[in-house]
C-alpha atoms as a PDB file:
ATOM      1  CA  LEU A   1       0.019  -0.169  -0.037  1.00  0.00           C
ATOM      2  CA  LYS A   2       2.927   2.386   0.822  1.00  0.00           C
ATOM      3  CA  LYS A   3       4.456   1.836  -2.748  1.00  0.00           C
ATOM      4  CA  GLU A   4       1.097   1.948  -4.372  1.00  0.00           C
ATOM      5  CA  LYS A   5       0.265   5.317  -2.862  1.00  0.00           C
ATOM      6  CA  ASN A   6       3.863   6.768  -2.883  1.00  0.00           C
ATOM      7  CA  ALA A   7       3.946   7.233   0.792  1.00  0.00           C
ATOM      8  CA  VAL A   8       6.740   7.512   3.272  1.00  0.00           C
ATOM      9  CA  ILE A   9       6.635   6.380   6.918  1.00  0.00           C
ATOM     10  CA  LEU A  10       8.459   8.492   9.599  1.00  0.00           C
ATOM     11  CA  SER A  11       8.747   7.423  13.041  1.00  0.00           C
ATOM     12  CA  HIS A  12       9.952   9.070  16.179  1.00  0.00           C
ATOM     13  CA  TYR A  13      12.540   7.431  18.475  1.00  0.00           C
ATOM     14  CA  TYR A  14       9.880   7.253  21.152  1.00  0.00           C
ATOM     15  CA  VAL A  15       7.529   4.823  19.366  1.00  0.00           C
ATOM     16  CA  ASP A  16       7.420   1.036  19.757  1.00  0.00           C
ATOM     17  CA  ASP A  17      10.212  -0.983  18.095  1.00  0.00           C
ATOM     18  CA  ASP A  18       7.758  -2.849  15.765  1.00  0.00           C
ATOM     19  CA  VAL A  19       6.765   0.534  14.375  1.00  0.00           C
ATOM     20  CA  LYS A  20      10.336   1.734  13.901  1.00  0.00           C
ATOM     21  CA  GLU A  21      10.960  -1.657  12.059  1.00  0.00           C
ATOM     22  CA  VAL A  22       8.458  -0.694   9.317  1.00  0.00           C
ATOM     23  CA  ALA A  23       9.402   2.984   9.171  1.00  0.00           C
ATOM     24  CA  ASP A  24      11.539   4.497   6.278  1.00  0.00           C
ATOM     25  CA  TYR A  25      13.052   6.937   8.589  1.00  0.00           C
ATOM     26  CA  THR A  26      13.475   7.221  12.426  1.00  0.00           C
ATOM     27  CA  GLY A  27      14.705  10.242  14.317  1.00  0.00           C
ATOM     28  CA  ASP A  28      13.855  13.160  16.519  1.00  0.00           C
ATOM     29  CA  SER A  29      11.459  15.963  15.795  1.00  0.00           C
ATOM     30  CA  TYR A  30      13.875  18.089  13.903  1.00  0.00           C
ATOM     31  CA  TYR A  31      15.240  15.263  11.788  1.00  0.00           C
ATOM     32  CA  LEU A  32      11.731  14.126  10.867  1.00  0.00           C
ATOM     33  CA  SER A  33      10.741  17.605   9.772  1.00  0.00           C
ATOM     34  CA  LYS A  34      13.735  17.794   7.604  1.00  0.00           C
ATOM     35  CA  VAL A  35      12.993  14.456   5.881  1.00  0.00           C
ATOM     36  CA  ALA A  36       9.258  15.428   5.427  1.00  0.00           C
ATOM     37  CA  LYS A  37      10.401  18.668   3.738  1.00  0.00           C
ATOM     38  CA  GLU A  38      12.839  16.669   1.366  1.00  0.00           C
ATOM     39  CA  THR A  39      10.816  13.749   0.475  1.00  0.00           C
ATOM     40  CA  ASP A  40       9.229  13.390  -2.934  1.00  0.00           C
ATOM     41  CA  ALA A  41       6.321  11.079  -1.496  1.00  0.00           C
ATOM     42  CA  ASP A  42       2.818  12.187  -1.978  1.00  0.00           C
ATOM     43  CA  ILE A  43       1.776  10.956   1.462  1.00  0.00           C
ATOM     44  CA  ILE A  44       3.617  11.402   4.752  1.00  0.00           C
ATOM     45  CA  VAL A  45       2.668   8.820   7.519  1.00  0.00           C
ATOM     46  CA  LEU A  46       3.958  10.378  10.761  1.00  0.00           C
ATOM     47  CA  SER A  47       4.275   7.976  13.583  1.00  0.00           C
ATOM     48  CA  GLY A  48       4.487  10.317  16.495  1.00  0.00           C
ATOM     49  CA  VAL A  49       2.643  12.869  18.374  1.00  0.00           C
ATOM     50  CA  SER A  50       0.195  15.485  16.946  1.00  0.00           C
ATOM     51  CA  PHE A  51       2.747  18.495  16.825  1.00  0.00           C
ATOM     52  CA  MET A  52       4.940  16.415  14.669  1.00  0.00           C
ATOM     53  CA  GLY A  53       2.170  15.805  12.133  1.00  0.00           C
ATOM     54  CA  GLU A  54       1.388  19.610  12.290  1.00  0.00           C
ATOM     55  CA  SER A  55       4.983  20.302  11.506  1.00  0.00           C
ATOM     56  CA  ALA A  56       5.145  18.005   8.622  1.00  0.00           C
ATOM     57  CA  LYS A  57       1.950  19.631   7.182  1.00  0.00           C
ATOM     58  CA  LEU A  58       3.089  23.236   7.749  1.00  0.00           C
ATOM     59  CA  LEU A  59       6.324  22.342   5.685  1.00  0.00           C
ATOM     60  CA  ASN A  60       4.428  20.463   3.113  1.00  0.00           C
ATOM     61  CA  PRO A  61       1.026  22.137   2.627  1.00  0.00           C
ATOM     62  CA  GLU A  62       0.439  20.382  -0.788  1.00  0.00           C
ATOM     63  CA  LYS A  63       1.125  16.886   0.622  1.00  0.00           C
ATOM     64  CA  THR A  64      -1.284  14.569   2.559  1.00  0.00           C
ATOM     65  CA  VAL A  65      -0.037  13.956   6.127  1.00  0.00           C
ATOM     66  CA  LEU A  66      -1.486  11.111   8.066  1.00  0.00           C
ATOM     67  CA  MET A  67      -1.290  10.298  11.776  1.00  0.00           C
ATOM     68  CA  PRO A  68      -1.661   6.712  12.586  1.00  0.00           C
ATOM     69  CA  ASP A  69      -3.007   7.558  16.053  1.00  0.00           C
ATOM     70  CA  SER A  70      -5.136  10.628  16.264  1.00  0.00           C
ATOM     71  CA  HIS A  71      -5.042  10.630  20.036  1.00  0.00           C
ATOM     72  CA  ALA A  72      -1.170  10.647  20.340  1.00  0.00           C
ATOM     73  CA  ASP A  73      -0.357  13.941  21.946  1.00  0.00           C
ATOM     74  CA  CYS A  74       2.301  15.751  23.915  1.00  0.00           C
ATOM     75  CA  PRO A  75       0.794  17.592  27.071  1.00  0.00           C
ATOM     76  CA  MET A  76       3.678  20.060  26.992  1.00  0.00           C
ATOM     77  CA  ALA A  77       2.963  21.067  23.379  1.00  0.00           C
ATOM     78  CA  HIS A  78      -0.097  22.995  24.821  1.00  0.00           C
ATOM     79  CA  MET A  79       1.552  24.512  27.851  1.00  0.00           C
ATOM     80  CA  ALA A  80       1.724  28.124  26.898  1.00  0.00           C
ATOM     81  CA  ASP A  81      -0.707  30.811  27.320  1.00  0.00           C
ATOM     82  CA  ILE A  82      -1.433  32.995  24.218  1.00  0.00           C
ATOM     83  CA  ALA A  83      -2.896  35.823  26.195  1.00  0.00           C
ATOM     84  CA  GLY A  84       0.021  35.782  28.496  1.00  0.00           C
ATOM     85  CA  ILE A  85       2.452  35.918  25.542  1.00  0.00           C
ATOM     86  CA  GLU A  86       0.647  39.101  24.170  1.00  0.00           C
ATOM     87  CA  LYS A  87       0.565  40.578  27.638  1.00  0.00           C
ATOM     88  CA  LEU A  88       4.510  40.234  27.900  1.00  0.00           C
ATOM     89  CA  ARG A  89       4.869  41.639  24.423  1.00  0.00           C
ATOM     90  CA  ALA A  90       3.199  44.712  25.723  1.00  0.00           C
ATOM     91  CA  GLU A  91       5.422  44.975  28.789  1.00  0.00           C
ATOM     92  CA  TYR A  92       8.862  44.168  27.056  1.00  0.00           C
ATOM     93  CA  GLU A  93       9.516  46.354  23.823  1.00  0.00           C
ATOM     94  CA  ASP A  94      12.458  44.165  22.796  1.00  0.00           C
ATOM     95  CA  LEU A  95      10.919  40.759  23.820  1.00  0.00           C
ATOM     96  CA  ALA A  96      11.659  37.823  21.519  1.00  0.00           C
ATOM     97  CA  VAL A  97       9.283  34.762  21.811  1.00  0.00           C
ATOM     98  CA  VAL A  98      11.201  31.637  21.280  1.00  0.00           C
ATOM     99  CA  CYS A  99       9.148  28.586  20.750  1.00  0.00           C
ATOM    100  CA  TYR A 100      10.345  24.971  21.167  1.00  0.00           C
ATOM    101  CA  ILE A 101       9.372  22.741  18.289  1.00  0.00           C
ATOM    102  CA  ASN A 102       7.609  20.626  20.658  1.00  0.00           C
ATOM    103  CA  SER A 103       4.505  22.751  20.619  1.00  0.00           C
ATOM    104  CA  THR A 104       1.199  23.226  18.669  1.00  0.00           C
ATOM    105  CA  ALA A 105       1.028  25.133  15.404  1.00  0.00           C
ATOM    106  CA  GLU A 106      -1.124  27.702  17.153  1.00  0.00           C
ATOM    107  CA  LEU A 107       1.666  28.397  19.645  1.00  0.00           C
ATOM    108  CA  LYS A 108       4.123  28.563  16.922  1.00  0.00           C
ATOM    109  CA  ALA A 109       2.070  31.113  15.208  1.00  0.00           C
ATOM    110  CA  HIS A 110       2.546  33.531  18.257  1.00  0.00           C
ATOM    111  CA  ALA A 111       6.397  33.101  18.306  1.00  0.00           C
ATOM    112  CA  ASP A 112       9.211  35.094  16.526  1.00  0.00           C
ATOM    113  CA  VAL A 113      11.338  31.928  16.248  1.00  0.00           C
ATOM    114  CA  CYS A 114      10.950  28.190  16.417  1.00  0.00           C
ATOM    115  CA  VAL A 115      13.937  26.235  17.810  1.00  0.00           C
ATOM    116  CA  THR A 116      14.883  22.528  18.491  1.00  0.00           C
ATOM    117  CA  SER A 117      16.730  21.260  21.614  1.00  0.00           C
ATOM    118  CA  SER A 118      19.822  20.868  19.412  1.00  0.00           C
ATOM    119  CA  ASN A 119      19.777  24.488  17.946  1.00  0.00           C
ATOM    120  CA  ALA A 120      18.144  26.583  20.622  1.00  0.00           C
ATOM    121  CA  LEU A 121      21.431  27.918  22.111  1.00  0.00           C
ATOM    122  CA  LYS A 122      22.796  28.901  18.821  1.00  0.00           C
ATOM    123  CA  ILE A 123      19.634  30.736  17.873  1.00  0.00           C
ATOM    124  CA  VAL A 124      19.073  32.542  21.199  1.00  0.00           C
ATOM    125  CA  LYS A 125      22.582  33.682  21.260  1.00  0.00           C
ATOM    126  CA  ALA A 126      22.129  35.173  17.785  1.00  0.00           C
ATOM    127  CA  LEU A 127      18.927  37.139  18.589  1.00  0.00           C
ATOM    128  CA  PRO A 128      19.487  40.810  19.213  1.00  0.00           C
ATOM    129  CA  ASN A 129      16.794  40.816  21.841  1.00  0.00           C
ATOM    130  CA  LYS A 130      17.820  40.979  25.540  1.00  0.00           C
ATOM    131  CA  HIS A 131      14.470  39.583  26.893  1.00  0.00           C
ATOM    132  CA  ILE A 132      13.583  36.022  25.890  1.00  0.00           C
ATOM    133  CA  LEU A 133      10.108  34.424  26.501  1.00  0.00           C
ATOM    134  CA  PHE A 134      10.999  30.659  26.168  1.00  0.00           C
ATOM    135  CA  ILE A 135       7.898  28.605  25.596  1.00  0.00           C
ATOM    136  CA  PRO A 136       6.557  25.980  26.372  1.00  0.00           C
ATOM    137  CA  ASP A 137       9.301  24.009  28.142  1.00  0.00           C
ATOM    138  CA  ASP A 138      10.806  25.739  31.179  1.00  0.00           C
ATOM    139  CA  ASN A 139      13.441  23.128  31.785  1.00  0.00           C
ATOM    140  CA  LEU A 140      14.997  23.537  28.278  1.00  0.00           C
ATOM    141  CA  GLY A 141      14.588  27.297  28.716  1.00  0.00           C
ATOM    142  CA  HIS A 142      16.609  27.319  32.021  1.00  0.00           C
ATOM    143  CA  PHE A 143      19.151  25.051  30.400  1.00  0.00           C
ATOM    144  CA  ILE A 144      19.624  27.619  27.681  1.00  0.00           C
ATOM    145  CA  ALA A 145      19.496  30.532  30.055  1.00  0.00           C
ATOM    146  CA  GLU A 146      22.435  29.275  32.005  1.00  0.00           C
ATOM    147  CA  GLN A 147      24.569  29.547  28.991  1.00  0.00           C
ATOM    148  CA  VAL A 148      23.462  32.975  27.897  1.00  0.00           C
ATOM    149  CA  PRO A 149      23.779  34.977  31.102  1.00  0.00           C
ATOM    150  CA  GLU A 150      23.633  38.290  29.166  1.00  0.00           C
ATOM    151  CA  LYS A 151      19.920  37.832  28.311  1.00  0.00           C
ATOM    152  CA  GLU A 152      16.903  37.803  30.648  1.00  0.00           C
ATOM    153  CA  PHE A 153      14.543  34.915  30.284  1.00  0.00           C
ATOM    154  CA  LEU A 154      10.824  34.542  31.030  1.00  0.00           C
ATOM    155  CA  TYR A 155       8.751  31.437  31.335  1.00  0.00           C
ATOM    156  CA  GLN A 156       5.235  30.073  31.498  1.00  0.00           C
ATOM    157  CA  ASN A 157       5.538  26.985  33.668  1.00  0.00           C
ATOM    158  CA  GLY A 158       5.535  24.433  30.842  1.00  0.00           C
ATOM    159  CA  HIS A 159       7.296  21.131  31.121  1.00  0.00           C
ATOM    160  CA  CYS A 160       7.245  17.459  29.825  1.00  0.00           C
ATOM    161  CA  PRO A 161       5.450  15.425  32.440  1.00  0.00           C
ATOM    162  CA  VAL A 162       7.531  12.365  31.531  1.00  0.00           C
ATOM    163  CA  HIS A 163      10.907  14.086  31.733  1.00  0.00           C
ATOM    164  CA  LYS A 164       9.692  15.981  35.134  1.00  0.00           C
ATOM    165  CA  ALA A 165       8.935  12.513  36.555  1.00  0.00           C
ATOM    166  CA  ILE A 166      12.697  11.551  36.449  1.00  0.00           C
ATOM    167  CA  ALA A 167      13.796  12.200  39.921  1.00  0.00           C
ATOM    168  CA  PRO A 168      17.410  13.226  40.972  1.00  0.00           C
ATOM    169  CA  GLU A 169      17.215  10.531  43.550  1.00  0.00           C
ATOM    170  CA  ALA A 170      16.585   7.888  40.807  1.00  0.00           C
ATOM    171  CA  VAL A 171      19.639   9.044  38.991  1.00  0.00           C
ATOM    172  CA  LYS A 172      21.853   9.003  42.134  1.00  0.00           C
ATOM    173  CA  LYS A 173      20.580   5.413  42.829  1.00  0.00           C
ATOM    174  CA  ALA A 174      21.434   4.277  39.287  1.00  0.00           C
ATOM    175  CA  LYS A 175      24.893   5.875  39.556  1.00  0.00           C
ATOM    176  CA  GLN A 176      25.563   4.073  42.714  1.00  0.00           C
ATOM    177  CA  GLU A 177      24.518   0.738  41.227  1.00  0.00           C
ATOM    178  CA  HIS A 178      26.501   1.390  38.014  1.00  0.00           C
ATOM    179  CA  PRO A 179      29.492   3.510  38.952  1.00  0.00           C
ATOM    180  CA  GLN A 180      31.280   3.076  35.684  1.00  0.00           C
ATOM    181  CA  ALA A 181      28.178   4.210  33.572  1.00  0.00           C
ATOM    182  CA  LEU A 182      27.922   7.607  32.066  1.00  0.00           C
ATOM    183  CA  VAL A 183      24.634   9.534  32.689  1.00  0.00           C
ATOM    184  CA  LEU A 184      23.069  11.200  29.593  1.00  0.00           C
ATOM    185  CA  ALA A 185      20.194  13.609  30.068  1.00  0.00           C
ATOM    186  CA  HIS A 186      17.868  15.528  27.734  1.00  0.00           C
ATOM    187  CA  PRO A 187      17.521  19.223  28.535  1.00  0.00           C
ATOM    188  CA  GLU A 188      13.760  18.740  29.148  1.00  0.00           C
ATOM    189  CA  CYS A 189      14.779  17.125  32.447  1.00  0.00           C
ATOM    190  CA  LEU A 190      14.695  19.032  35.701  1.00  0.00           C
ATOM    191  CA  PRO A 191      17.871  21.098  36.315  1.00  0.00           C
ATOM    192  CA  GLU A 192      18.566  18.946  39.274  1.00  0.00           C
ATOM    193  CA  VAL A 193      18.786  16.015  36.996  1.00  0.00           C
ATOM    194  CA  SER A 194      20.750  17.653  34.381  1.00  0.00           C
ATOM    195  CA  ALA A 195      23.346  18.574  36.968  1.00  0.00           C
ATOM    196  CA  LEU A 196      24.004  15.068  37.673  1.00  0.00           C
ATOM    197  CA  ALA A 197      24.593  14.166  34.038  1.00  0.00           C
ATOM    198  CA  ASP A 198      27.750  13.619  32.343  1.00  0.00           C
ATOM    199  CA  TYR A 199      26.345  14.872  29.160  1.00  0.00           C
ATOM    200  CA  VAL A 200      23.138  16.888  28.433  1.00  0.00           C
ATOM    201  CA  GLY A 201      21.915  17.008  24.855  1.00  0.00           C
ATOM    202  CA  SER A 202      19.111  16.592  22.325  1.00  0.00           C
ATOM    203  CA  THR A 203      17.753  13.187  21.391  1.00  0.00           C
END
């Protein structure tokens, strides 16, 4: 059916292994967006959460984008307040709204720039603005803010519930049980978890 319809199957790392086995491409949100933009397929089947399907459609308005699970969603993708964004724009003349790719198309429409966890630091550093509203993920925002002390960051209490559930105590326990192991953390984790990691980076 895939060949007959000239479709491509994109799969996020987070989906089950049996789905990844039938996918043409597997990667993080940024990689999948890039593949979606470059494919010559007529149909893009995106095995991931809704914001990934939205991103693929935004980049390919002329193509059909299908989501195998219409209920697959990322709670954090909705965790920014549009009225709050506009209120802060009125308060700060030089405000730049920096939106993490893990967000709804509606939130992206109220931002000045969209970033990934791998390019957020580079882009924020390049912005001329002093005040940065980082949405929707506070943890990633704080991770970037620590590396750009010359800018002032504002947040809206967004987070990934799965990454927030990773407790520093659990990391410490794992380190005790496996003293030779390195700890890798995604910047969506709590700052207390990232502080225990040997390397913090994108998927």
